[in-house]
Amino acid sequence: DQTDVPAGFRLFDAWDFGPQPHRHCSYAYSIPFGLYALTTAHDPSMPVAADRSPWLASPAGKPKPFAAFRPDLAAFSGTAEQARQGNSISHGQDGQNVLFVDGHVAFARRSYCGLDQDNIYTTSSNPRTGVPWGHVPIPPIVVPANTKDSVLVHDPAPEMAAPPEAPRVDSRNLARTAVVATLDRALPEQKNAIWCATFQIAWDTFRQDVVGEPILVPRAAELADRLNRSAFPTGSIEEKSYYAVAGPVKDGIIERIQREMARRFPAEPMPTFDSRYRTLPDVFLAYAYLNVDVGFKHPFQACPTAFDFHDSAGARTPVTAFRTLSGSSGMNRDLTREQVEVLYHAAGASRDRDEFAVDLSRETQPYQVVLARMPRGDTLGGAVQALREKTAGFQNDPNYRTLRQLRSIDTLIVPDVLYRLTHHFEELLGKHLGNPKWSEHFFFDALQKIDFSLSRTGVKLKSEGRLAAAAGIRREVAKPRHLHFDRPFLICVQKREPNATPFFVMWVENAELMKAYEQ
């Protein structure tokens, strides 16, 4: 069914069941990785595959409620009807076909048909044996508890695997979010504040390669001065992660941008430019693009219930979130806990006054994702500097080696943050340049697009900045630490090196850009 298979694509490069495996594979199967991967040397009665699990979402419907299931065994006092609730829905919950290691298939009337009456659709709650009941597994991190635990899963539906893609929104339609051009801009009261390097890079490129000196904009002097002072050090981003160029449209700058973007970022849509770029006289364009994907080594667990985020005004919003793994297997917990590094922690008079910062996955390279629940600063730049000072001071704690780890008594919960945002820097639009050689030119486009998601699998950031000018007539146009990011917090994405300059900073003041939790 695929029409976009690239040249040189080989069969073993393919997904087993296409890009949407949950729609094309109707069976649950044993996890083929890790300590307990099955081989022909295992017990012949060990289940390998079966009809779909009732506990995971599928095209056939939502997962069944686990609370309705109880084995009809003496130790559990369940009824026959309660026991049937644990069967696959493929046969009207009368049972399921099960494939075993020795190659035979049998129709099992109960889901606890594995070794020691192990439930084939749950993770065992006993570290040594299988059990008829157990815990519901949460893909993709599913680890059997022992060699007799036959937990079978199918690929989850996309809404279960990750937060859905955010709809596009224009910043003019957001009442509680502001996009700022520079890190030294005063933070707006009771609003989210977002900064990304792409517009600054576009400004820098226009200044260096077109104007050749600081850009003067008399009727937007304050913003222009801040942008001129805030040149972004592109060494803070890997060269493969961004692209920036500037030049006149008459010399083919648009065609050059489209060729280079297709070569450097072939999976992304080709940038397009509206008719103004071709019809206005003497157009000059600066373009910057950034594409960063920071995948956590071990995906966190989606919170099964709503997480309450409290904004600075005291409003509470239930949102989706992710957390460190839980369950019976210590191996499950360690996979996500060990990748987290606590960068600083200061206990307050109560839990809601604690301050802390974490690196969500210390092994990501070359970038890191840092979150900090801390007092609101005057500017985003001031917040970043305060974060550096706090993390440096935390290293002097005599118990630093222990406290930097996410211990077994600590908890971590982070809300999903996702948006696809378009922002126009209205302060610049229609304003003429004040440089003597450019006094007939005015800015007709000053645009930034930011697609950002923070979810249990990592951070994805795609951003574009444009700055375009044309000639024309002048006109105005110590106890357990609960690292729960349930109050305003800072997000920094930056190169993993000392004193790196972030290329994305966001102050999360409210839940406007989070995903509301739906029952």
Protein backbone atom coordinates (compact mmCIF):
# COMPACT_ATOMS: atom_id res chain seq x y z
CA ASP A 1 0.00 0.00 0.00
CA GLN A 2 2.99 2.33 0.34
CA THR A 3 3.59 4.76 -2.53
CA ASP A 4 6.57 6.66 -1.09
CA VAL A 5 9.14 3.87 -0.79
CA PRO A 6 12.61 5.46 -1.25
CA ALA A 7 15.20 4.21 -3.73
CA GLY A 8 17.36 1.38 -2.44
CA PHE A 9 14.71 0.26 0.05
CA ARG A 10 15.06 -3.40 0.99
CA LEU A 11 12.52 -5.78 2.46
CA PHE A 12 14.24 -5.98 5.85
CA ASP A 13 14.15 -2.16 6.10
CA ALA A 14 10.36 -2.34 6.36
CA TRP A 15 8.13 -2.28 9.41
CA ASP A 16 6.75 -5.75 10.08
CA PHE A 17 3.16 -4.60 9.50
CA GLY A 18 3.51 -1.20 7.85
CA PRO A 19 3.63 2.28 9.41
CA GLN A 20 0.41 1.56 11.37
CA PRO A 21 1.01 -1.96 12.73
CA HIS A 22 -1.94 -1.78 15.13
CA ARG A 23 -4.24 -1.75 12.09
CA HIS A 24 -2.62 -4.63 10.20
CA CYS A 25 -1.63 -7.23 12.81
CA SER A 26 -4.54 -8.86 14.65
CA TYR A 27 -2.49 -10.87 17.14
CA ALA A 28 -0.77 -10.33 20.45
CA TYR A 29 2.74 -11.74 20.73
CA SER A 30 5.60 -12.27 23.14
CA ILE A 31 8.11 -9.44 23.56
CA PRO A 32 11.09 -10.60 21.42
CA PHE A 33 13.70 -8.51 23.28
CA GLY A 34 15.34 -8.44 26.70
CA LEU A 35 16.22 -11.06 29.30
CA TYR A 36 13.22 -13.30 28.68
CA ALA A 37 13.01 -13.52 24.90
CA LEU A 38 11.63 -16.90 23.89
CA THR A 39 13.66 -19.56 22.09
CA THR A 40 12.95 -23.18 21.11
CA ALA A 41 14.76 -24.22 24.29
CA HIS A 42 11.94 -22.87 26.47
CA ASP A 43 9.18 -24.98 27.99
CA PRO A 44 7.03 -26.34 25.11
CA SER A 45 3.87 -25.12 26.91
CA MET A 46 5.00 -21.49 26.95
CA PRO A 47 2.59 -19.24 24.91
CA VAL A 48 4.14 -17.32 22.02
CA ALA A 49 1.17 -15.53 20.44
CA ALA A 50 -2.62 -15.27 20.73
CA ASP A 51 -5.59 -13.21 19.62
CA ARG A 52 -5.48 -9.52 20.57
CA SER A 53 -5.20 -8.50 24.20
CA PRO A 54 -8.41 -7.09 25.70
CA TRP A 55 -6.40 -4.55 27.75
CA LEU A 56 -4.86 -2.56 24.85
CA ALA A 57 -6.63 -0.19 22.46
CA SER A 58 -7.12 -1.48 18.92
CA PRO A 59 -9.14 -0.65 15.77
CA ALA A 60 -11.90 -2.81 17.28
CA GLY A 61 -12.34 -0.42 20.20
CA LYS A 62 -11.07 0.92 23.49
CA PRO A 63 -9.41 -1.35 26.05
CA LYS A 64 -11.67 -3.31 28.37
CA PRO A 65 -11.88 -2.19 32.03
CA PHE A 66 -9.50 -4.41 33.99
CA ALA A 67 -11.60 -4.01 37.15
CA ALA A 68 -14.35 -6.16 35.60
CA PHE A 69 -12.02 -9.18 35.34
CA ARG A 70 -11.50 -11.76 38.07
CA PRO A 71 -10.30 -15.37 37.61
CA ASP A 72 -12.91 -18.04 38.43
CA LEU A 73 -10.44 -19.89 40.62
CA ALA A 74 -10.87 -20.66 44.30
CA ALA A 75 -8.13 -18.26 45.34
CA PHE A 76 -9.82 -15.34 43.53
CA SER A 77 -13.54 -16.10 44.00
CA GLY A 78 -14.47 -14.89 40.52
CA THR A 79 -17.54 -15.93 38.56
CA ALA A 80 -17.46 -17.47 35.09
CA GLU A 81 -18.72 -14.18 33.63
CA GLN A 82 -15.99 -12.22 35.43
CA ALA A 83 -13.38 -14.67 34.11
CA ARG A 84 -14.64 -14.20 30.53
CA GLN A 85 -13.88 -10.46 30.78
CA GLY A 86 -10.17 -11.35 30.58
CA ASN A 87 -10.51 -13.04 27.18
CA SER A 88 -9.75 -11.52 23.81
CA ILE A 89 -12.67 -9.79 22.10
CA SER A 90 -11.89 -11.63 18.86
CA HIS A 91 -14.26 -14.55 19.64
CA GLY A 92 -16.96 -12.78 21.60
CA GLN A 93 -14.82 -13.21 24.71
CA ASP A 94 -15.47 -16.98 24.68
CA GLY A 95 -11.72 -17.57 24.53
CA GLN A 96 -8.66 -17.17 22.34
CA ASN A 97 -6.46 -19.15 19.99
CA VAL A 98 -2.99 -19.55 21.51
CA LEU A 99 0.25 -20.56 19.80
CA PHE A 100 2.80 -22.38 21.99
CA VAL A 101 6.58 -22.83 21.76
CA ASP A 102 6.25 -26.40 20.45
CA GLY A 103 4.21 -25.11 17.49
CA HIS A 104 0.74 -26.33 18.39
CA VAL A 105 -2.30 -24.05 18.59
CA ALA A 106 -5.17 -24.53 21.02
CA PHE A 107 -8.36 -22.64 21.79
CA ALA A 108 -8.15 -21.60 25.47
CA ARG A 109 -11.38 -20.80 27.32
CA ARG A 110 -9.49 -18.71 29.89
CA SER A 111 -6.65 -16.22 29.49
CA TYR A 112 -4.69 -17.83 32.36
CA CYS A 113 -3.53 -20.71 30.19
CA GLY A 114 0.23 -20.27 30.53
CA LEU A 115 2.72 -21.94 32.86
CA ASP A 116 1.52 -21.97 36.50
CA GLN A 117 -1.86 -20.77 35.18
CA ASP A 118 -0.15 -17.57 34.09
CA ASN A 119 -2.33 -14.91 32.45
CA ILE A 120 -1.05 -14.44 28.93
CA TYR A 121 -2.24 -10.80 28.72
CA THR A 122 -0.84 -9.42 32.01
CA THR A 123 2.52 -8.94 33.69
CA SER A 124 3.01 -11.29 36.62
CA SER A 125 2.91 -9.80 40.13
CA ASN A 126 5.15 -12.63 41.38
CA PRO A 127 8.90 -12.26 40.65
CA ARG A 128 9.33 -16.07 40.35
CA THR A 129 6.16 -17.50 38.78
CA GLY A 130 3.26 -16.70 36.52
CA VAL A 131 -0.07 -15.63 38.03
CA PRO A 132 -3.71 -15.80 36.83
CA TRP A 133 -4.34 -12.08 37.48
CA GLY A 134 -1.31 -9.72 37.39
CA HIS A 135 -1.00 -6.15 36.06
CA VAL A 136 -2.00 -4.57 32.74
CA PRO A 137 1.13 -4.00 30.61
CA ILE A 138 1.76 -0.53 29.14
CA PRO A 139 3.70 -0.65 25.82
CA PRO A 140 6.28 0.00 24.59
CA ILE A 141 8.22 -0.75 27.79
CA VAL A 142 6.93 -4.19 28.70
CA VAL A 143 9.23 -6.59 30.56
CA PRO A 144 8.10 -10.04 31.72
CA ALA A 145 8.62 -10.55 35.46
CA ASN A 146 10.39 -13.91 35.04
CA THR A 147 10.94 -16.84 32.66
CA LYS A 148 7.41 -18.16 33.26
CA ASP A 149 5.62 -14.85 32.66
CA SER A 150 4.05 -15.03 29.18
CA VAL A 151 2.87 -11.45 28.78
CA LEU A 152 1.57 -11.01 25.20
CA VAL A 153 0.93 -7.57 23.70
CA HIS A 154 -0.02 -6.01 20.38
CA ASP A 155 1.06 -2.67 18.96
CA PRO A 156 -1.01 0.02 20.67
CA ALA A 157 -3.12 2.49 18.75
CA PRO A 158 -1.30 5.82 18.15
CA GLU A 159 -3.33 7.68 20.78
CA MET A 160 -2.01 5.25 23.36
CA ALA A 161 1.59 5.34 22.16
CA ALA A 162 2.06 9.11 22.23
CA PRO A 163 0.13 12.36 22.59
CA PRO A 164 -1.78 13.23 19.39
CA GLU A 165 -0.35 15.79 17.03
CA ALA A 166 -1.32 19.29 18.05
CA PRO A 167 -3.48 21.39 15.72
CA ARG A 168 -1.92 24.46 14.16
CA VAL A 169 -2.77 27.74 15.85
CA ASP A 170 -1.92 31.38 15.21
CA SER A 171 -0.48 33.13 18.26
CA ARG A 172 -3.04 35.91 17.79
CA ASN A 173 -5.70 33.41 18.85
CA LEU A 174 -3.93 32.49 22.10
CA ALA A 175 -4.97 34.59 25.09
CA ARG A 176 -2.41 33.28 27.57
CA THR A 177 0.72 32.66 25.49
CA ALA A 178 3.32 35.09 24.12
CA VAL A 179 6.16 34.50 21.65
CA VAL A 180 9.20 36.65 22.39
CA ALA A 181 11.94 37.59 19.93
CA THR A 182 14.81 37.74 22.46
CA LEU A 183 15.63 36.19 25.81
CA ASP A 184 15.94 39.61 27.49
CA ARG A 185 12.29 40.52 26.82
CA ALA A 186 10.32 41.02 30.05
CA LEU A 187 8.09 38.04 30.76
CA PRO A 188 4.40 38.91 30.31
CA GLU A 189 2.30 38.48 33.44
CA GLN A 190 0.42 35.19 33.82
CA LYS A 191 1.32 34.01 30.32
CA ASN A 192 3.38 31.25 28.78
CA ALA A 193 6.48 32.67 27.08
CA ILE A 194 8.16 30.94 24.14
CA TRP A 195 11.46 31.73 22.50
CA CYS A 196 13.18 29.81 19.71
CA ALA A 197 16.45 30.69 17.99
CA THR A 198 15.18 30.58 14.41
CA PHE A 199 13.93 34.18 14.15
CA GLN A 200 17.13 35.48 15.78
CA ILE A 201 19.18 33.42 13.30
CA ALA A 202 17.15 34.84 10.39
CA TRP A 203 17.75 38.36 11.75
CA ASP A 204 21.49 37.68 12.17
CA THR A 205 21.74 36.30 8.63
CA PHE A 206 19.86 39.28 7.16
CA ARG A 207 22.15 41.67 9.08
CA GLN A 208 25.37 39.92 8.05
CA ASP A 209 24.64 38.85 4.47
CA VAL A 210 22.26 41.57 3.26
CA VAL A 211 22.57 44.84 5.21
CA GLY A 212 26.16 44.36 6.37
CA GLU A 213 25.65 46.27 9.64
CA PRO A 214 23.20 46.46 12.57
CA ILE A 215 19.67 46.76 11.21
CA LEU A 216 18.00 50.05 12.10
CA VAL A 217 14.23 50.20 12.34
CA PRO A 218 13.34 53.67 13.69
CA ARG A 219 9.69 52.83 14.34
CA ALA A 220 10.56 49.56 16.09
CA ALA A 221 13.88 50.70 17.58
CA GLU A 222 13.56 48.88 20.91
CA LEU A 223 12.98 45.46 19.32
CA ALA A 224 15.61 46.03 16.60
CA ASP A 225 18.20 47.04 19.23
CA ARG A 226 17.50 43.89 21.26
CA LEU A 227 17.80 41.68 18.17
CA ASN A 228 21.05 43.38 17.14
CA ARG A 229 22.51 42.78 20.62
CA SER A 230 21.34 39.17 20.86
CA ALA A 231 23.20 37.42 18.06
CA PHE A 232 22.80 33.65 18.43
CA PRO A 233 26.00 31.54 18.49
CA THR A 234 25.21 28.91 15.85
CA GLY A 235 27.92 26.69 17.35
CA SER A 236 25.29 25.93 20.00
CA ILE A 237 23.43 23.85 17.39
CA GLU A 238 24.82 20.96 15.38
CA GLU A 239 25.28 21.98 11.76
CA LYS A 240 23.10 19.07 10.60
CA SER A 241 20.19 20.38 12.70
CA TYR A 242 19.71 23.78 11.07
CA TYR A 243 19.90 25.74 7.84
CA ALA A 244 20.13 29.52 7.34
CA VAL A 245 20.60 31.67 4.26
CA ALA A 246 19.78 35.17 2.98
CA GLY A 247 19.80 36.98 -0.35
CA PRO A 248 17.76 38.69 -3.08
CA VAL A 249 14.82 36.88 -4.66
CA LYS A 250 15.92 38.03 -8.12
CA ASP A 251 19.10 35.95 -7.73
CA GLY A 252 17.15 32.75 -7.01
CA ILE A 253 17.26 32.63 -3.20
CA ILE A 254 13.83 30.92 -3.03
CA GLU A 255 14.87 28.15 -5.43
CA ARG A 256 18.12 27.73 -3.47
CA ILE A 257 16.21 27.38 -0.20
CA GLN A 258 13.89 24.77 -1.68
CA ARG A 259 16.77 22.74 -3.15
CA GLU A 260 18.77 22.78 0.08
CA MET A 261 15.79 21.95 2.28
CA ALA A 262 14.93 18.99 0.04
CA ARG A 263 18.52 17.78 0.30
CA ARG A 264 19.09 18.38 4.02
CA PHE A 265 15.60 17.58 5.37
CA PRO A 266 14.00 15.31 2.74
CA ALA A 267 11.23 14.11 5.08
CA GLU A 268 9.91 17.64 5.66
CA PRO A 269 7.49 19.57 3.41
CA MET A 270 9.18 21.98 1.03
CA PRO A 271 8.85 25.61 2.19
CA THR A 272 6.62 27.77 0.02
CA PHE A 273 6.46 31.54 -0.29
CA ASP A 274 3.37 33.58 -1.12
CA SER A 275 2.91 35.88 -4.11
CA ARG A 276 4.35 38.94 -2.33
CA TYR A 277 7.83 37.46 -2.70
CA ARG A 278 7.45 37.50 -6.49
CA THR A 279 5.40 40.66 -7.02
CA LEU A 280 6.87 43.22 -4.61
CA PRO A 281 9.91 45.09 -5.94
CA ASP A 282 13.50 44.26 -4.95
CA VAL A 283 12.71 41.58 -2.33
CA PHE A 284 15.41 40.34 0.07
CA LEU A 285 14.79 37.27 2.20
CA ALA A 286 16.45 35.65 5.22
CA TYR A 287 15.36 32.10 6.06
CA ALA A 288 16.27 29.87 9.02
CA TYR A 289 15.12 26.34 9.82
CA LEU A 290 15.75 24.11 12.84
CA ASN A 291 14.88 20.41 13.20
CA VAL A 292 15.77 18.57 16.43
CA ASP A 293 14.51 15.20 17.69
CA VAL A 294 15.68 14.28 21.20
CA GLY A 295 14.42 10.75 21.84
CA PHE A 296 14.65 9.44 25.39
CA LYS A 297 16.56 6.17 25.62
CA HIS A 298 13.68 4.65 27.58
CA PRO A 299 10.16 6.06 27.00
CA PHE A 300 8.37 7.01 30.17
CA GLN A 301 4.97 5.66 31.15
CA ALA A 302 1.80 7.51 30.20
CA CYS A 303 -0.16 8.49 33.28
CA PRO A 304 -3.37 6.41 33.27
CA THR A 305 -5.32 9.21 35.01
CA ALA A 306 -5.48 12.98 34.74
CA PHE A 307 -2.64 15.10 36.15
CA ASP A 308 -3.63 18.40 37.73
CA PHE A 309 -1.60 21.42 36.61
CA HIS A 310 -1.96 24.54 38.80
CA ASP A 311 -1.18 27.81 37.03
CA SER A 312 0.05 30.99 38.71
CA ALA A 313 -3.51 32.32 39.02
CA GLY A 314 -4.53 29.25 41.00
CA ALA A 315 -6.59 27.60 38.26
CA ARG A 316 -6.40 23.80 38.13
CA THR A 317 -6.49 22.00 34.77
CA PRO A 318 -6.52 18.18 34.37
CA VAL A 319 -4.05 17.31 31.59
CA THR A 320 -2.28 14.27 30.15
CA ALA A 321 1.17 13.51 31.52
CA PHE A 322 3.94 10.91 31.75
CA ARG A 323 5.91 9.47 34.64
CA THR A 324 8.58 7.00 35.65
CA LEU A 325 7.54 3.39 35.20
CA SER A 326 5.67 1.53 37.90
CA GLY A 327 4.69 -2.08 38.35
CA SER A 328 5.97 -5.29 39.84
CA SER A 329 9.25 -5.51 37.99
CA GLY A 330 12.17 -3.60 39.42
CA MET A 331 13.70 -3.76 35.96
CA ASN A 332 10.76 -1.74 34.61
CA ARG A 333 11.31 1.03 37.13
CA ASP A 334 15.08 1.20 36.71
CA LEU A 335 14.95 1.68 32.94
CA THR A 336 13.39 5.11 33.24
CA ARG A 337 14.69 6.11 36.68
CA GLU A 338 18.33 5.53 35.81
CA GLN A 339 18.20 7.86 32.82
CA VAL A 340 16.93 10.79 34.91
CA GLU A 341 19.43 13.12 36.58
CA VAL A 342 18.28 15.52 39.29
CA LEU A 343 20.18 18.74 38.58
CA TYR A 344 19.07 20.44 41.76
CA HIS A 345 16.47 20.13 44.49
CA ALA A 346 15.55 22.51 47.28
CA ALA A 347 12.79 21.52 49.68
CA GLY A 348 10.27 24.23 50.53
CA ALA A 349 7.94 24.64 53.47
CA SER A 350 5.48 22.38 51.61
CA ARG A 351 5.53 20.21 48.50
CA ASP A 352 4.05 22.95 46.34
CA ARG A 353 6.99 25.21 47.27
CA ASP A 354 9.75 22.72 46.40
CA GLU A 355 12.17 23.81 43.66
CA PHE A 356 13.89 21.31 41.38
CA ALA A 357 15.40 20.71 37.96
CA VAL A 358 15.92 17.47 36.04
CA ASP A 359 17.66 16.24 32.93
CA LEU A 360 15.02 13.83 31.64
CA SER A 361 17.48 11.50 29.90
CA ARG A 362 21.14 11.99 30.68
CA GLU A 363 22.35 9.84 27.77
CA THR A 364 20.81 11.87 24.94
CA GLN A 365 23.42 13.32 22.57
CA PRO A 366 24.22 15.94 21.43
CA TYR A 367 21.25 17.67 23.07
CA GLN A 368 19.62 17.53 26.48
CA VAL A 369 16.14 18.34 27.77
CA VAL A 370 16.08 20.19 31.10
CA LEU A 371 12.95 21.03 33.09
CA ALA A 372 13.00 23.29 36.15
CA ARG A 373 10.19 24.11 38.58
CA MET A 374 11.41 27.38 39.98
CA PRO A 375 10.30 30.96 40.70
CA ARG A 376 9.32 33.01 37.69
CA GLY A 377 12.13 35.26 36.48
CA ASP A 378 11.92 38.73 34.97
CA THR A 379 13.05 37.40 31.58
CA LEU A 380 13.63 33.99 29.99
CA GLY A 381 17.35 34.78 29.87
CA GLY A 382 17.30 35.54 33.59
CA ALA A 383 15.53 32.25 34.26
CA VAL A 384 18.18 30.35 32.29
CA GLN A 385 20.97 32.08 34.24
CA ALA A 386 19.25 31.35 37.57
CA LEU A 387 18.95 27.70 36.54
CA ARG A 388 22.69 27.53 35.83
CA GLU A 389 23.52 29.02 39.21
CA LYS A 390 21.19 26.66 41.08
CA THR A 391 22.53 23.54 39.32
CA ALA A 392 26.13 24.63 39.95
CA GLY A 393 25.41 25.21 43.63
CA PHE A 394 23.66 21.86 44.00
CA GLN A 395 26.88 20.07 43.06
CA ASN A 396 28.42 21.35 46.31
CA ASP A 397 25.91 19.41 48.41
CA PRO A 398 27.80 16.74 50.41
CA ASN A 399 25.16 14.19 49.36
CA TYR A 400 25.24 15.24 45.71
CA ARG A 401 26.14 11.77 44.37
CA THR A 402 23.05 10.30 45.97
CA LEU A 403 20.68 13.21 45.46
CA ARG A 404 21.45 13.56 41.74
CA GLN A 405 19.83 10.15 41.20
CA LEU A 406 16.10 9.59 40.99
CA ARG A 407 15.84 7.25 43.95
CA SER A 408 13.25 4.51 44.41
CA ILE A 409 11.34 6.69 46.90
CA ASP A 410 11.18 9.65 44.49
CA THR A 411 8.46 10.23 41.91
CA LEU A 412 8.54 12.15 38.64
CA ILE A 413 5.49 13.38 36.70
CA VAL A 414 5.64 15.71 33.69
CA PRO A 415 2.70 17.11 31.68
CA ASP A 416 2.63 16.68 27.91
CA VAL A 417 3.29 20.01 26.18
CA LEU A 418 2.52 20.20 22.47
CA TYR A 419 1.66 22.87 19.92
CA ARG A 420 2.10 23.90 16.29
CA LEU A 421 2.34 27.66 16.47
CA THR A 422 2.62 30.46 13.93
CA HIS A 423 3.66 33.93 15.11
CA HIS A 424 3.99 37.22 13.23
CA PHE A 425 6.24 39.87 14.74
CA GLU A 426 3.74 42.65 14.18
CA GLU A 427 6.12 45.28 15.61
CA LEU A 428 8.28 44.95 12.47
CA LEU A 429 5.65 44.58 9.75
CA GLY A 430 5.36 47.59 7.48
CA LYS A 431 8.29 49.34 9.18
CA HIS A 432 11.02 50.84 7.01
CA LEU A 433 14.70 50.22 7.66
CA GLY A 434 16.67 53.18 8.94
CA ASN A 435 20.01 52.28 7.34
CA PRO A 436 20.85 54.91 4.69
CA LYS A 437 21.24 52.45 1.81
CA TRP A 438 18.03 50.62 2.79
CA SER A 439 15.68 53.46 3.64
CA GLU A 440 13.31 52.59 0.78
CA HIS A 441 12.87 49.02 2.02
CA PHE A 442 10.26 47.90 4.54
CA PHE A 443 9.64 44.56 6.25
CA PHE A 444 6.60 42.79 4.79
CA ASP A 445 7.19 39.42 6.48
CA ALA A 446 8.53 38.69 9.97
CA LEU A 447 7.35 35.18 10.72
CA GLN A 448 8.20 32.32 13.05
CA LYS A 449 6.69 28.83 13.11
CA ILE A 450 7.31 26.53 16.06
CA ASP A 451 6.19 22.90 16.21
CA PHE A 452 7.06 21.54 19.66
CA SER A 453 6.15 18.41 21.59
CA LEU A 454 7.34 17.20 24.98
CA SER A 455 5.98 13.70 25.58
CA ARG A 456 7.01 10.44 27.17
CA THR A 457 9.15 9.51 24.15
CA GLY A 458 11.16 12.74 24.02
CA VAL A 459 11.20 16.24 22.54
CA LYS A 460 10.55 17.07 18.91
CA LEU A 461 11.17 20.61 17.70
CA LYS A 462 10.74 22.01 14.20
CA SER A 463 10.95 25.75 13.73
CA GLU A 464 11.19 28.20 10.86
CA GLY A 465 12.05 31.89 10.88
CA ARG A 466 11.56 34.34 8.00
CA LEU A 467 12.47 37.98 7.59
CA ALA A 468 11.74 39.65 4.26
CA ALA A 469 12.01 43.24 3.03
CA ALA A 470 10.94 44.93 -0.20
CA ALA A 471 11.24 48.38 -1.68
CA GLY A 472 8.04 50.40 -1.66
CA ILE A 473 6.14 53.45 -0.62
CA ARG A 474 6.42 54.28 3.10
CA ARG A 475 3.32 53.19 4.99
CA GLU A 476 2.39 51.73 8.37
CA VAL A 477 1.18 48.37 8.27
CA ALA A 478 15.03 14.62 52.38
CA LYS A 479 11.89 12.95 52.42
CA PRO A 480 10.66 11.54 49.18
CA ARG A 481 10.97 14.15 46.50
CA HIS A 482 7.93 14.58 44.31
CA LEU A 483 9.23 16.05 41.08
CA HIS A 484 5.80 16.84 39.71
CA PHE A 485 5.73 19.65 37.19
CA ASP A 486 2.25 20.65 38.31
CA ARG A 487 3.05 24.35 38.61
CA PRO A 488 4.77 26.86 36.30
CA PHE A 489 8.11 25.55 35.02
CA LEU A 490 10.92 26.21 32.55
CA ILE A 491 11.83 24.09 29.52
CA CYS A 492 15.32 24.40 27.98
CA VAL A 493 16.59 22.43 25.00
CA GLN A 494 20.28 22.88 24.41
CA LYS A 495 23.53 21.29 23.38
CA ARG A 496 24.95 19.01 26.06
CA GLU A 497 28.02 21.01 27.04
CA PRO A 498 28.94 23.42 29.86
CA ASN A 499 27.19 26.80 29.68
CA ALA A 500 25.53 25.96 26.36
CA THR A 501 23.25 28.60 24.89
CA PRO A 502 19.75 27.12 24.60
CA PHE A 503 18.12 27.16 21.20
CA PHE A 504 14.64 26.72 22.68
CA VAL A 505 13.32 28.15 25.95
CA MET A 506 9.75 28.15 27.22
CA TRP A 507 8.23 29.36 30.47
CA VAL A 508 5.11 27.26 31.06
CA GLU A 509 2.80 29.51 33.04
CA ASN A 510 -0.56 27.88 32.26
CA ALA A 511 -2.14 24.85 30.59
CA GLU A 512 -3.22 26.55 27.33
CA LEU A 513 -0.73 24.46 25.31
CA MET A 514 -1.19 21.19 27.19
CA LYS A 515 -3.59 18.42 26.24
CA ALA A 516 -6.73 18.32 28.32
CA TYR A 517 -7.34 14.95 29.91
CA GLU A 518 -10.50 13.28 28.63
CA GLN A 519 -12.22 10.39 30.36
